[in-house]
């Protein structure tokens, strides 16, 4: 299977890296002490170094990363599943659990929200090409929203229609209502245009101090996945099942060799 596609970009390398650096600079000037990361992020040498540091973040041993300026928020079940994914070589950098809450009274409004589960992560093809292929093959046949990017080329594989796919919707009303009558507003989005922006947006501001970053990501794939329904499903468990199946296949292949 050919994983790396060569598809022309629809826009130049614009926005994400520059805007993130600009925002980081503004915030850092105001609150320098809040954005000091563990020094080990600046001296990573291998993909495994990133996996180990990220597990510490998930386990709340460190509270900042190049992609998150605050401690992780999520259930213990989510944390446990993310650590297991890292043990399979999957470097997660963003996401949310499926969740719904209705008619919470706050600031004179009845507020509700619904979330779709989503997850952003990298796979190192040097060690895990078979796993990446298995993910892609699975996504072709399942009702999961996906965007897959090759960070060192102009590749994009996605089933996102239009510019975005909504991940969280919110509603507020001065009256207590049944959820079937809610008027929903899109709140956070899965943007198709991310694939057209410079890849190193998340890691750019440590690139100058860690010359290894570009090399570490040289042969990776970046995945953004989301489940189609609000409040249903567990994306991490779906991925773990695929990981376990790939591992079992490898073990059986070795025994039969």
Foldseek 3Di string as FASTA:
>chain_A
DDDFDFDDFPDAADDLQVVLVVVCVVVCVVPVPQQDFDCVLLADAALLSLLVVVLCLLVVVTADDLQGSGGDDDDPVVSVLVNVVSVLVKAWRDWDWFDWDFQDDDPLKGKIKWFWTKTKIKHFCVVQVVLVVLVVVVVVPDQKWKWKAQQVHLDIDTPDPDFWDAGMWMFIDNDRDDPVPTDIDGDDIDTPCVSNHHPCSSPVVSCVSYVNVCVNSNRMMMMMITHDDIRDDDPSVVSVVSSVVVVVVVVVVVVVD
